[in-house]
């Protein structure tokens, strides 16, 4: 099956406090966005769609392996739909990924792809179990504590059968979702999870950026 990857880089990353969108800032000598591109090359992904801010050329020269560049939308959901519409019709599987997660585990994504091709699920997300006690609150009042054993933290890439997830995105445009798998579940697709990694964290703040730089400098990351 032909695989396509959609890498989302359509935001501004203002919380990082840099003068360029964080996905184009240089980490360890290269743009943050390119770490994801090179991971998908390791997975032998035939199509790589970059969803970027409209003025990306002022900050970023696209990696030569990128197949298409499309504009980001007003929301993450619209950005994903723009990316899905840019994928070839003969795409079989699509991986949707946030560029702010540069260290996703290639070997675990490969396992998830195998699970997806076995047709048990229409969509899978990398996920890790919550190690924190989580509370539901209303204002300042704690109202309940979900069973931590049943709570997982969703990561990207999230992997789907292409035609099913594109149809789901087209049909669910009038509802708001912040995550691909939650949209898929609401659309009636069969959803599961695959083992993620603590290293697959999202770079949002300056502390995250410093942690990413330290991990690279340590030489212990498998890139």
N, C-alpha and C. Protein backbone atom coordinates (compact mmCIF):
# COMPACT_ATOMS: atom_id res chain seq x y z
N UNK A 1 0.84 -1.19 0.00
CA UNK A 1 0.00 0.00 0.00
C UNK A 1 0.88 1.24 0.00
N UNK A 2 0.53 2.20 -0.87
CA UNK A 2 1.26 3.46 -0.86
C UNK A 2 0.98 4.21 0.42
N UNK A 3 2.07 4.71 1.05
CA UNK A 3 1.94 5.46 2.29
C UNK A 3 2.17 6.94 2.03
N UNK A 4 1.36 7.77 2.66
CA UNK A 4 1.55 9.21 2.63
C UNK A 4 1.67 9.72 4.05
N UNK A 5 2.50 10.74 4.23
CA UNK A 5 2.63 11.41 5.52
C UNK A 5 2.21 12.86 5.37
N UNK A 6 1.43 13.33 6.32
CA UNK A 6 1.07 14.74 6.39
C UNK A 6 1.75 15.30 7.63
N UNK A 7 2.63 16.28 7.44
CA UNK A 7 3.35 16.89 8.55
C UNK A 7 2.78 18.30 8.75
N UNK A 8 2.27 18.54 9.94
CA UNK A 8 1.61 19.81 10.23
C UNK A 8 2.61 20.82 10.77
N UNK A 9 2.74 21.91 10.04
CA UNK A 9 3.60 23.01 10.47
C UNK A 9 2.96 24.35 10.15
N UNK A 10 1.65 24.43 10.35
CA UNK A 10 0.91 25.62 9.96
C UNK A 10 0.69 26.62 11.08
N UNK A 11 1.24 26.35 12.27
CA UNK A 11 1.07 27.27 13.39
C UNK A 11 2.23 28.24 13.51
N UNK A 12 2.12 29.11 14.51
CA UNK A 12 3.16 30.13 14.72
C UNK A 12 4.06 29.81 15.90
N UNK A 13 3.64 28.90 16.79
CA UNK A 13 4.48 28.51 17.91
C UNK A 13 4.90 29.67 18.79
N UNK A 14 3.97 30.56 19.10
CA UNK A 14 4.31 31.78 19.82
C UNK A 14 4.77 31.52 21.25
N UNK A 15 4.33 30.41 21.85
CA UNK A 15 4.71 30.14 23.23
C UNK A 15 6.20 29.90 23.40
N UNK A 16 6.87 29.55 22.30
CA UNK A 16 8.31 29.32 22.39
C UNK A 16 9.06 30.64 22.44
N UNK A 17 8.44 31.74 22.01
CA UNK A 17 9.04 33.06 22.14
C UNK A 17 10.19 33.32 21.19
N UNK A 18 10.17 32.73 19.98
CA UNK A 18 11.22 32.97 19.01
C UNK A 18 10.71 33.86 17.89
N UNK A 19 11.65 34.40 17.09
CA UNK A 19 11.25 35.32 16.02
C UNK A 19 10.93 34.61 14.72
N UNK A 20 10.92 33.28 14.73
CA UNK A 20 10.47 32.49 13.59
C UNK A 20 9.51 31.43 14.13
N UNK A 21 8.57 30.95 13.31
CA UNK A 21 7.72 29.84 13.77
C UNK A 21 8.60 28.67 14.20
N UNK A 22 8.23 28.04 15.32
CA UNK A 22 9.13 27.05 15.93
C UNK A 22 9.47 25.90 15.00
N UNK A 23 8.54 25.54 14.07
CA UNK A 23 8.81 24.41 13.20
C UNK A 23 9.97 24.66 12.24
N UNK A 24 10.36 25.94 12.08
CA UNK A 24 11.46 26.29 11.19
C UNK A 24 12.72 26.69 11.96
N UNK A 25 12.62 26.85 13.28
CA UNK A 25 13.80 27.17 14.07
C UNK A 25 14.80 26.02 13.99
N UNK A 26 16.06 26.35 14.07
CA UNK A 26 17.10 25.34 13.91
C UNK A 26 17.42 24.68 15.25
N UNK A 27 17.32 23.36 15.23
CA UNK A 27 17.63 22.54 16.41
C UNK A 27 18.75 21.60 16.01
N UNK A 28 19.88 21.68 16.71
CA UNK A 28 21.00 20.82 16.36
C UNK A 28 21.48 21.01 14.93
N UNK A 29 21.35 22.23 14.41
CA UNK A 29 21.89 22.55 13.09
C UNK A 29 20.94 22.41 11.92
N UNK A 30 19.69 21.99 12.16
CA UNK A 30 18.75 21.90 11.04
C UNK A 30 17.35 22.26 11.50
N UNK A 31 16.48 22.64 10.56
CA UNK A 31 15.13 23.04 10.95
C UNK A 31 14.39 21.91 11.68
N UNK A 32 13.64 22.29 12.69
CA UNK A 32 12.87 21.31 13.44
C UNK A 32 12.00 20.47 12.51
N UNK A 33 11.41 21.09 11.50
CA UNK A 33 10.50 20.39 10.59
C UNK A 33 11.19 19.21 9.91
N UNK A 34 12.48 19.35 9.61
CA UNK A 34 13.17 18.32 8.83
C UNK A 34 13.39 17.03 9.60
N UNK A 35 13.38 17.08 10.92
CA UNK A 35 13.51 15.83 11.69
C UNK A 35 12.36 14.89 11.35
N UNK A 36 11.16 15.42 11.24
CA UNK A 36 10.01 14.57 10.92
C UNK A 36 10.10 14.05 9.49
N UNK A 37 10.51 14.91 8.56
CA UNK A 37 10.66 14.47 7.17
C UNK A 37 11.60 13.28 7.09
N UNK A 38 12.73 13.37 7.76
CA UNK A 38 13.73 12.31 7.68
C UNK A 38 13.28 11.03 8.38
N UNK A 39 12.46 11.15 9.40
CA UNK A 39 11.88 9.95 10.02
C UNK A 39 10.96 9.22 9.04
N UNK A 40 10.15 9.99 8.30
CA UNK A 40 9.24 9.35 7.35
C UNK A 40 10.01 8.74 6.17
N UNK A 41 11.15 9.30 5.83
CA UNK A 41 11.98 8.67 4.81
C UNK A 41 12.47 7.31 5.29
N UNK A 42 12.80 7.19 6.57
CA UNK A 42 13.22 5.90 7.12
C UNK A 42 12.10 4.87 7.01
N UNK A 43 10.86 5.34 7.07
CA UNK A 43 9.70 4.46 6.96
C UNK A 43 9.31 4.19 5.51
N UNK A 44 10.13 4.70 4.58
CA UNK A 44 9.90 4.50 3.14
C UNK A 44 8.51 5.03 2.73
N UNK A 45 8.20 6.21 3.23
CA UNK A 45 6.93 6.86 2.90
C UNK A 45 7.05 7.50 1.52
N UNK A 46 6.17 7.12 0.61
CA UNK A 46 6.29 7.56 -0.78
C UNK A 46 5.89 9.02 -1.00
N UNK A 47 4.95 9.51 -0.20
CA UNK A 47 4.42 10.87 -0.36
C UNK A 47 4.55 11.60 0.97
N UNK A 48 5.13 12.80 0.94
CA UNK A 48 5.24 13.62 2.15
C UNK A 48 4.64 14.99 1.84
N UNK A 49 3.53 15.29 2.51
CA UNK A 49 2.83 16.57 2.33
C UNK A 49 3.14 17.46 3.53
N UNK A 50 3.68 18.64 3.25
CA UNK A 50 3.96 19.62 4.30
C UNK A 50 2.84 20.65 4.33
N UNK A 51 2.24 20.81 5.49
CA UNK A 51 1.20 21.83 5.68
C UNK A 51 1.86 22.99 6.42
N UNK A 52 2.02 24.12 5.72
CA UNK A 52 2.85 25.21 6.24
C UNK A 52 2.11 26.54 6.26
N UNK A 53 2.62 27.47 7.08
CA UNK A 53 2.12 28.84 7.08
C UNK A 53 2.35 29.45 5.69
N UNK A 54 1.52 30.40 5.31
CA UNK A 54 1.57 30.94 3.95
C UNK A 54 2.90 31.60 3.63
N UNK A 55 3.54 32.23 4.62
CA UNK A 55 4.81 32.93 4.36
C UNK A 55 6.02 32.08 4.72
N UNK A 56 5.88 30.76 4.59
CA UNK A 56 6.96 29.85 5.01
C UNK A 56 8.27 30.14 4.30
N UNK A 57 8.21 30.63 3.05
CA UNK A 57 9.44 30.83 2.28
C UNK A 57 10.37 31.86 2.92
N UNK A 58 9.83 32.70 3.78
CA UNK A 58 10.67 33.68 4.47
C UNK A 58 11.51 33.03 5.56
N UNK A 59 11.15 31.80 5.94
CA UNK A 59 11.83 31.14 7.05
C UNK A 59 12.44 29.79 6.69
N UNK A 60 11.97 29.17 5.62
CA UNK A 60 12.26 27.74 5.44
C UNK A 60 12.37 27.38 3.96
N UNK A 61 13.44 26.65 3.63
CA UNK A 61 13.59 26.05 2.31
C UNK A 61 13.16 24.59 2.44
N UNK A 62 12.05 24.18 1.81
CA UNK A 62 11.53 22.82 2.03
C UNK A 62 12.56 21.74 1.73
N UNK A 63 12.55 20.72 2.56
CA UNK A 63 13.39 19.53 2.38
C UNK A 63 13.09 18.94 1.00
N UNK A 64 14.13 18.50 0.26
CA UNK A 64 13.89 17.99 -1.10
C UNK A 64 12.99 16.78 -1.17
N UNK A 65 12.79 16.07 -0.07
CA UNK A 65 11.92 14.88 -0.10
C UNK A 65 10.44 15.24 0.00
N UNK A 66 10.13 16.50 0.31
CA UNK A 66 8.73 16.89 0.43
C UNK A 66 8.07 16.87 -0.94
N UNK A 67 6.94 16.20 -1.04
CA UNK A 67 6.23 16.01 -2.31
C UNK A 67 5.36 17.21 -2.65
N UNK A 68 4.69 17.78 -1.64
CA UNK A 68 3.78 18.89 -1.87
C UNK A 68 3.75 19.78 -0.64
N UNK A 69 3.56 21.07 -0.88
CA UNK A 69 3.37 22.04 0.20
C UNK A 69 1.98 22.63 0.04
N UNK A 70 1.19 22.57 1.11
CA UNK A 70 -0.15 23.15 1.08
C UNK A 70 -0.30 24.10 2.26
N UNK A 71 -1.20 25.09 2.17
CA UNK A 71 -1.34 26.06 3.26
C UNK A 71 -2.09 25.50 4.46
N UNK A 72 -1.70 25.97 5.63
CA UNK A 72 -2.43 25.62 6.83
C UNK A 72 -3.77 26.32 6.87
N UNK A 73 -4.69 25.78 7.63
CA UNK A 73 -6.01 26.37 7.78
C UNK A 73 -6.12 27.18 9.06
N UNK A 74 -7.31 27.68 9.32
CA UNK A 74 -7.54 28.46 10.53
C UNK A 74 -7.46 27.60 11.78
N UNK A 75 -7.68 26.29 11.64
CA UNK A 75 -7.60 25.35 12.75
C UNK A 75 -6.74 24.17 12.35
N UNK A 76 -6.30 23.40 13.33
CA UNK A 76 -5.56 22.17 13.03
C UNK A 76 -6.40 21.25 12.16
N UNK A 77 -7.68 21.17 12.47
CA UNK A 77 -8.58 20.29 11.72
C UNK A 77 -8.61 20.66 10.23
N UNK A 78 -8.69 21.97 9.95
CA UNK A 78 -8.71 22.41 8.56
C UNK A 78 -7.36 22.15 7.88
N UNK A 79 -6.28 22.29 8.64
CA UNK A 79 -4.95 22.02 8.10
C UNK A 79 -4.81 20.55 7.69
N UNK A 80 -5.32 19.65 8.53
CA UNK A 80 -5.27 18.22 8.20
C UNK A 80 -6.08 17.96 6.94
N UNK A 81 -7.26 18.54 6.84
CA UNK A 81 -8.10 18.33 5.66
C UNK A 81 -7.40 18.83 4.41
N UNK A 82 -6.72 19.97 4.50
CA UNK A 82 -5.94 20.46 3.34
C UNK A 82 -4.88 19.44 2.95
N UNK A 83 -4.23 18.85 3.93
CA UNK A 83 -3.21 17.84 3.65
C UNK A 83 -3.80 16.59 3.03
N UNK A 84 -4.94 16.14 3.54
CA UNK A 84 -5.59 14.94 2.99
C UNK A 84 -6.00 15.16 1.55
N UNK A 85 -6.48 16.34 1.24
CA UNK A 85 -6.90 16.63 -0.13
C UNK A 85 -5.73 16.67 -1.11
N UNK A 86 -4.51 16.84 -0.58
CA UNK A 86 -3.33 16.88 -1.43
C UNK A 86 -2.71 15.51 -1.67
N UNK A 87 -3.19 14.49 -0.97
CA UNK A 87 -2.64 13.14 -1.13
C UNK A 87 -3.17 12.50 -2.42
N UNK A 88 -2.36 11.69 -3.09
CA UNK A 88 -2.82 11.01 -4.31
C UNK A 88 -3.99 10.07 -4.03
N UNK A 89 -4.83 9.88 -5.04
CA UNK A 89 -6.01 9.03 -4.89
C UNK A 89 -5.64 7.58 -4.59
N UNK A 90 -4.47 7.14 -5.02
CA UNK A 90 -4.09 5.75 -4.79
C UNK A 90 -3.37 5.55 -3.46
N UNK A 91 -3.43 6.54 -2.58
CA UNK A 91 -2.87 6.38 -1.23
C UNK A 91 -3.65 5.31 -0.48
N UNK A 92 -2.94 4.42 0.18
CA UNK A 92 -3.59 3.38 0.98
C UNK A 92 -3.64 3.72 2.45
N UNK A 93 -2.49 4.17 2.99
CA UNK A 93 -2.38 4.52 4.40
C UNK A 93 -1.83 5.93 4.53
N UNK A 94 -2.28 6.66 5.53
CA UNK A 94 -1.78 8.01 5.75
C UNK A 94 -1.39 8.17 7.20
N UNK A 95 -0.26 8.84 7.42
CA UNK A 95 0.23 9.12 8.77
C UNK A 95 0.17 10.63 8.97
N UNK A 96 -0.50 11.06 10.03
CA UNK A 96 -0.68 12.48 10.31
C UNK A 96 0.16 12.82 11.53
N UNK A 97 1.02 13.85 11.38
CA UNK A 97 2.03 14.10 12.41
C UNK A 97 2.21 15.59 12.66
N UNK A 98 2.46 15.93 13.92
CA UNK A 98 2.79 17.30 14.30
C UNK A 98 4.29 17.50 14.23
N UNK A 99 4.72 18.53 13.50
CA UNK A 99 6.16 18.77 13.33
C UNK A 99 6.85 19.09 14.65
N UNK A 100 6.09 19.47 15.66
CA UNK A 100 6.68 19.80 16.97
C UNK A 100 7.11 18.56 17.74
N UNK A 101 6.89 17.37 17.18
CA UNK A 101 7.35 16.11 17.80
C UNK A 101 8.45 15.52 16.91
N UNK A 102 9.70 15.94 17.10
CA UNK A 102 10.76 15.52 16.17
C UNK A 102 11.34 14.14 16.43
N UNK A 103 11.06 13.54 17.59
CA UNK A 103 11.77 12.31 17.98
C UNK A 103 10.85 11.09 18.04
N UNK A 104 9.86 11.02 17.16
CA UNK A 104 8.96 9.86 17.24
C UNK A 104 9.71 8.57 16.89
N UNK A 105 9.33 7.46 17.52
CA UNK A 105 10.06 6.20 17.37
C UNK A 105 9.70 5.47 16.08
N UNK A 106 10.60 5.47 15.12
CA UNK A 106 10.34 4.86 13.81
C UNK A 106 9.96 3.39 13.95
N UNK A 107 10.66 2.66 14.79
CA UNK A 107 10.40 1.22 14.90
C UNK A 107 9.00 0.95 15.45
N UNK A 108 8.51 1.80 16.33
CA UNK A 108 7.18 1.61 16.89
C UNK A 108 6.10 2.02 15.89
N UNK A 109 6.38 3.01 15.08
CA UNK A 109 5.44 3.37 14.01
C UNK A 109 5.36 2.23 13.00
N UNK A 110 6.49 1.58 12.71
CA UNK A 110 6.49 0.45 11.79
C UNK A 110 5.61 -0.68 12.32
N UNK A 111 5.67 -0.93 13.62
CA UNK A 111 4.80 -1.94 14.23
C UNK A 111 3.34 -1.53 14.09
N UNK A 112 3.05 -0.26 14.32
CA UNK A 112 1.68 0.23 14.19
C UNK A 112 1.17 0.10 12.76
N UNK A 113 2.03 0.35 11.79
CA UNK A 113 1.64 0.19 10.39
C UNK A 113 1.27 -1.25 10.08
N UNK A 114 2.03 -2.18 10.62
CA UNK A 114 1.72 -3.60 10.43
C UNK A 114 0.37 -3.93 11.04
N UNK A 115 0.11 -3.42 12.23
CA UNK A 115 -1.17 -3.65 12.89
C UNK A 115 -2.33 -3.08 12.07
N UNK A 116 -2.09 -1.92 11.46
CA UNK A 116 -3.14 -1.29 10.66
C UNK A 116 -3.44 -2.09 9.40
N UNK A 117 -2.42 -2.65 8.78
CA UNK A 117 -2.63 -3.42 7.57
C UNK A 117 -3.33 -4.76 7.83
N UNK A 118 -3.35 -5.19 9.09
CA UNK A 118 -4.06 -6.43 9.42
C UNK A 118 -5.57 -6.24 9.49
N UNK A 119 -6.03 -5.00 9.27
CA UNK A 119 -7.45 -4.66 9.08
C UNK A 119 -8.32 -4.80 10.33
N UNK A 120 -7.66 -4.83 11.50
CA UNK A 120 -8.46 -4.83 12.73
C UNK A 120 -8.97 -3.43 13.04
N UNK A 121 -8.19 -2.41 12.63
CA UNK A 121 -8.53 -1.03 12.93
C UNK A 121 -8.53 -0.20 11.66
N UNK A 122 -9.27 0.93 11.72
CA UNK A 122 -9.20 1.94 10.66
C UNK A 122 -8.21 3.03 11.01
N UNK A 123 -7.91 3.18 12.30
CA UNK A 123 -6.99 4.21 12.74
C UNK A 123 -6.32 3.84 14.04
N UNK A 124 -5.07 4.27 14.19
CA UNK A 124 -4.28 4.03 15.39
C UNK A 124 -3.52 5.29 15.75
N UNK A 125 -3.30 5.50 17.03
CA UNK A 125 -2.43 6.58 17.48
C UNK A 125 -1.35 6.00 18.38
N UNK A 126 -0.14 6.55 18.29
CA UNK A 126 0.85 6.24 19.31
C UNK A 126 0.34 6.82 20.63
N UNK A 127 0.57 6.10 21.72
CA UNK A 127 0.08 6.55 23.01
C UNK A 127 0.93 5.96 24.12
N UNK A 128 0.96 6.65 25.24
CA UNK A 128 1.66 6.15 26.42
C UNK A 128 0.74 6.30 27.63
N UNK A 129 0.83 5.38 28.60
CA UNK A 129 -0.04 5.46 29.77
C UNK A 129 0.29 6.68 30.61
N UNK A 130 -0.73 7.26 31.21
CA UNK A 130 -0.51 8.39 32.11
C UNK A 130 0.16 7.91 33.39
N UNK A 131 1.19 8.62 33.81
CA UNK A 131 1.85 8.30 35.07
C UNK A 131 1.41 9.25 36.18
N UNK A 132 0.59 10.23 35.85
CA UNK A 132 0.10 11.19 36.83
C UNK A 132 -1.33 10.83 37.24
N UNK A 133 -1.68 11.22 38.46
CA UNK A 133 -3.08 11.17 38.87
C UNK A 133 -3.79 12.34 38.21
N UNK A 134 -4.90 12.06 37.52
CA UNK A 134 -5.65 13.08 36.81
C UNK A 134 -6.96 13.34 37.52
N UNK A 135 -7.38 14.59 37.54
CA UNK A 135 -8.63 14.97 38.20
C UNK A 135 -9.50 15.74 37.23
N UNK A 136 -10.81 15.48 37.29
CA UNK A 136 -11.78 16.31 36.59
C UNK A 136 -12.24 17.41 37.54
N UNK A 137 -12.25 18.65 37.05
CA UNK A 137 -12.61 19.77 37.92
C UNK A 137 -13.72 20.60 37.30
N UNK A 138 -14.43 21.30 38.15
CA UNK A 138 -15.39 22.32 37.74
C UNK A 138 -15.04 23.58 38.50
N UNK A 139 -14.46 24.56 37.79
CA UNK A 139 -13.95 25.74 38.47
C UNK A 139 -12.82 25.35 39.41
N UNK A 140 -12.96 25.68 40.67
CA UNK A 140 -11.94 25.35 41.66
C UNK A 140 -12.22 24.03 42.40
N UNK A 141 -13.31 23.38 42.03
CA UNK A 141 -13.71 22.17 42.75
C UNK A 141 -13.32 20.92 41.99
N UNK A 142 -12.71 19.96 42.68
CA UNK A 142 -12.42 18.65 42.11
C UNK A 142 -13.68 17.80 42.22
N UNK A 143 -14.09 17.21 41.08
CA UNK A 143 -15.35 16.45 41.09
C UNK A 143 -15.15 14.95 40.89
N UNK A 144 -14.03 14.54 40.28
CA UNK A 144 -13.81 13.10 40.13
C UNK A 144 -12.36 12.83 39.76
N UNK A 145 -11.97 11.56 39.95
CA UNK A 145 -10.64 11.09 39.56
C UNK A 145 -10.80 9.89 38.63
N UNK A 146 -10.54 10.08 37.32
CA UNK A 146 -10.63 8.93 36.41
C UNK A 146 -9.62 7.85 36.80
N UNK A 147 -9.95 6.62 36.47
CA UNK A 147 -9.06 5.49 36.73
C UNK A 147 -7.82 5.64 35.84
N UNK A 148 -6.68 5.90 36.45
CA UNK A 148 -5.45 6.17 35.70
C UNK A 148 -5.07 5.00 34.79
N UNK A 149 -5.45 3.80 35.16
CA UNK A 149 -5.08 2.63 34.36
C UNK A 149 -5.74 2.67 32.98
N UNK A 150 -6.80 3.46 32.84
CA UNK A 150 -7.53 3.53 31.58
C UNK A 150 -7.25 4.83 30.82
N UNK A 151 -6.33 5.65 31.32
CA UNK A 151 -6.03 6.94 30.72
C UNK A 151 -4.68 6.89 30.02
N UNK A 152 -4.67 7.23 28.74
CA UNK A 152 -3.44 7.25 27.95
C UNK A 152 -3.25 8.63 27.33
N UNK A 153 -2.01 9.01 27.16
CA UNK A 153 -1.68 10.29 26.52
C UNK A 153 -1.43 10.04 25.03
N UNK A 154 -2.25 10.67 24.21
CA UNK A 154 -2.15 10.46 22.77
C UNK A 154 -0.95 11.24 22.19
N UNK A 155 -0.28 10.63 21.23
CA UNK A 155 0.83 11.25 20.53
C UNK A 155 0.56 11.19 19.02
N UNK A 156 1.47 11.72 18.27
CA UNK A 156 1.49 11.52 16.82
C UNK A 156 2.84 10.92 16.47
N UNK A 157 2.95 10.23 15.30
CA UNK A 157 1.96 10.11 14.23
C UNK A 157 0.71 9.33 14.66
N UNK A 158 -0.39 9.68 13.97
CA UNK A 158 -1.61 8.89 14.02
C UNK A 158 -1.85 8.34 12.62
N UNK A 159 -2.20 7.07 12.54
CA UNK A 159 -2.17 6.32 11.29
C UNK A 159 -3.57 5.88 10.91
N UNK A 160 -3.89 5.99 9.62
CA UNK A 160 -5.25 5.71 9.18
C UNK A 160 -5.28 5.07 7.79
N UNK A 161 -6.36 4.37 7.54
CA UNK A 161 -6.71 4.00 6.18
C UNK A 161 -7.17 5.28 5.48
N UNK A 162 -6.53 5.56 4.37
CA UNK A 162 -6.66 6.89 3.78
C UNK A 162 -8.09 7.27 3.42
N UNK A 163 -8.78 6.42 2.68
CA UNK A 163 -10.11 6.81 2.22
C UNK A 163 -11.08 7.00 3.38
N UNK A 164 -10.94 6.17 4.42
CA UNK A 164 -11.83 6.30 5.57
C UNK A 164 -11.60 7.61 6.32
N UNK A 165 -10.34 7.97 6.55
CA UNK A 165 -10.11 9.19 7.33
C UNK A 165 -10.40 10.43 6.49
N UNK A 166 -10.15 10.39 5.20
CA UNK A 166 -10.50 11.56 4.38
C UNK A 166 -12.00 11.77 4.36
N UNK A 167 -12.75 10.69 4.22
CA UNK A 167 -14.21 10.80 4.24
C UNK A 167 -14.68 11.32 5.59
N UNK A 168 -14.07 10.84 6.67
CA UNK A 168 -14.45 11.30 8.01
C UNK A 168 -14.20 12.79 8.16
N UNK A 169 -13.05 13.26 7.69
CA UNK A 169 -12.75 14.68 7.80
C UNK A 169 -13.71 15.53 6.97
N UNK A 170 -14.07 15.04 5.79
CA UNK A 170 -15.02 15.79 4.95
C UNK A 170 -16.39 15.87 5.63
N UNK A 171 -16.80 14.77 6.26
CA UNK A 171 -18.13 14.72 6.87
C UNK A 171 -18.23 15.47 8.19
N UNK A 172 -17.10 15.64 8.90
CA UNK A 172 -17.13 16.20 10.25
C UNK A 172 -16.66 17.66 10.29
N UNK A 173 -16.76 18.37 9.19
CA UNK A 173 -16.25 19.74 9.15
C UNK A 173 -17.00 20.68 10.07
N UNK A 174 -18.25 20.36 10.41
CA UNK A 174 -19.04 21.26 11.24
C UNK A 174 -18.85 21.00 12.73
N UNK A 175 -17.96 20.07 13.09
CA UNK A 175 -17.67 19.81 14.50
C UNK A 175 -16.19 20.07 14.77
N UNK A 176 -15.86 20.32 16.03
CA UNK A 176 -14.51 20.73 16.38
C UNK A 176 -13.77 19.62 17.12
N UNK A 177 -12.59 19.27 16.61
CA UNK A 177 -11.74 18.26 17.24
C UNK A 177 -10.30 18.78 17.27
N UNK A 178 -9.54 18.37 18.26
CA UNK A 178 -8.14 18.77 18.34
C UNK A 178 -7.20 17.61 18.05
N UNK A 179 -7.76 16.46 17.69
CA UNK A 179 -6.98 15.24 17.55
C UNK A 179 -7.61 14.40 16.45
N UNK A 180 -6.80 13.76 15.65
CA UNK A 180 -7.31 12.99 14.51
C UNK A 180 -8.10 11.76 14.96
N UNK A 181 -7.59 11.06 15.97
CA UNK A 181 -8.24 9.83 16.39
C UNK A 181 -9.60 10.11 17.02
N UNK A 182 -9.73 11.23 17.73
CA UNK A 182 -11.03 11.56 18.33
C UNK A 182 -12.05 11.86 17.23
N UNK A 183 -11.63 12.52 16.16
CA UNK A 183 -12.53 12.74 15.02
C UNK A 183 -12.92 11.42 14.39
N UNK A 184 -11.93 10.54 14.21
CA UNK A 184 -12.19 9.24 13.61
C UNK A 184 -13.19 8.43 14.42
N UNK A 185 -13.02 8.44 15.75
CA UNK A 185 -13.93 7.69 16.61
C UNK A 185 -15.35 8.26 16.51
N UNK A 186 -15.46 9.58 16.51
CA UNK A 186 -16.78 10.21 16.40
C UNK A 186 -17.44 9.90 15.07
N UNK A 187 -16.62 9.66 14.04
CA UNK A 187 -17.15 9.33 12.71
C UNK A 187 -17.48 7.85 12.56
N UNK A 188 -17.25 7.07 13.61
CA UNK A 188 -17.60 5.66 13.58
C UNK A 188 -16.51 4.73 13.10
N UNK A 189 -15.28 5.22 12.99
CA UNK A 189 -14.18 4.34 12.57
C UNK A 189 -13.71 3.50 13.74
N UNK A 190 -13.10 2.36 13.42
CA UNK A 190 -12.55 1.47 14.44
C UNK A 190 -11.17 1.99 14.84
N UNK A 191 -11.04 2.37 16.10
CA UNK A 191 -9.83 3.06 16.55
C UNK A 191 -9.09 2.27 17.62
N UNK A 192 -7.77 2.31 17.55
CA UNK A 192 -6.94 1.63 18.54
C UNK A 192 -5.72 2.47 18.87
N UNK A 193 -4.81 1.88 19.62
CA UNK A 193 -3.58 2.59 19.97
C UNK A 193 -2.40 1.64 19.83
N UNK A 194 -1.23 2.23 19.68
CA UNK A 194 0.02 1.49 19.62
C UNK A 194 1.02 2.16 20.55
N UNK A 195 1.97 1.40 21.00
CA UNK A 195 2.92 1.91 21.99
C UNK A 195 3.72 3.08 21.44
N UNK A 196 3.73 4.18 22.21
CA UNK A 196 4.52 5.35 21.87
C UNK A 196 5.81 5.40 22.68
N UNK A 197 6.28 6.61 22.94
CA UNK A 197 7.55 6.76 23.64
C UNK A 197 7.55 8.07 24.42
N UNK A 198 8.18 8.06 25.59
CA UNK A 198 8.34 9.29 26.36
C UNK A 198 9.20 10.31 25.61
N UNK A 199 10.07 9.83 24.73
CA UNK A 199 10.90 10.75 23.96
C UNK A 199 10.11 11.47 22.87
N UNK A 200 8.91 10.99 22.59
CA UNK A 200 8.08 11.59 21.55
C UNK A 200 7.26 12.74 22.13
N UNK A 201 7.94 13.65 22.81
CA UNK A 201 7.24 14.76 23.43
C UNK A 201 7.08 15.92 22.44
N UNK A 202 6.12 16.76 22.73
CA UNK A 202 5.84 17.91 21.87
C UNK A 202 6.61 19.13 22.37
N UNK A 203 7.36 19.76 21.48
CA UNK A 203 8.11 20.95 21.85
C UNK A 203 7.17 22.15 21.81
N UNK A 204 6.88 22.68 22.98
CA UNK A 204 5.94 23.80 23.10
C UNK A 204 6.59 25.01 23.77
N UNK A 205 7.35 24.77 24.82
CA UNK A 205 7.94 25.85 25.60
C UNK A 205 9.46 25.88 25.44
N UNK A 206 10.07 26.91 25.98
CA UNK A 206 11.53 27.02 25.95
C UNK A 206 12.18 25.85 26.71
N UNK A 207 11.55 25.41 27.78
CA UNK A 207 12.08 24.25 28.52
C UNK A 207 12.09 23.01 27.64
N UNK A 208 11.03 22.80 26.86
CA UNK A 208 10.99 21.67 25.93
C UNK A 208 12.12 21.78 24.92
N UNK A 209 12.35 22.98 24.43
CA UNK A 209 13.42 23.20 23.42
C UNK A 209 14.78 22.87 24.01
N UNK A 210 15.01 23.31 25.24
CA UNK A 210 16.29 23.03 25.89
C UNK A 210 16.46 21.53 26.12
N UNK A 211 15.39 20.85 26.50
CA UNK A 211 15.45 19.40 26.70
C UNK A 211 15.79 18.71 25.38
N UNK A 212 15.15 19.13 24.29
CA UNK A 212 15.43 18.53 22.99
C UNK A 212 16.89 18.73 22.60
N UNK A 213 17.40 19.95 22.83
CA UNK A 213 18.80 20.22 22.51
C UNK A 213 19.75 19.38 23.34
N UNK A 214 19.44 19.21 24.61
CA UNK A 214 20.29 18.39 25.49
C UNK A 214 20.29 16.93 25.07
N UNK A 215 19.11 16.44 24.66
CA UNK A 215 19.02 15.04 24.20
C UNK A 215 19.86 14.83 22.95
N UNK A 216 19.79 15.77 22.03
CA UNK A 216 20.61 15.67 20.82
C UNK A 216 22.09 15.69 21.16
N UNK A 217 22.47 16.61 22.04
CA UNK A 217 23.89 16.75 22.39
C UNK A 217 24.43 15.53 23.11
N UNK A 218 23.54 14.79 23.79
CA UNK A 218 24.00 13.62 24.54
C UNK A 218 24.40 12.47 23.61
N UNK A 219 23.93 12.49 22.37
CA UNK A 219 24.26 11.43 21.43
C UNK A 219 23.52 10.14 21.66
N UNK A 220 22.55 10.13 22.57
CA UNK A 220 21.85 8.89 22.90
C UNK A 220 20.52 8.72 22.16
N UNK A 221 20.15 9.72 21.37
CA UNK A 221 18.93 9.62 20.59
C UNK A 221 19.18 8.82 19.32
N UNK A 222 18.24 7.96 18.98
CA UNK A 222 18.30 7.23 17.71
C UNK A 222 17.49 8.01 16.68
N UNK A 223 18.21 8.68 15.77
CA UNK A 223 17.54 9.53 14.78
C UNK A 223 17.48 8.84 13.42
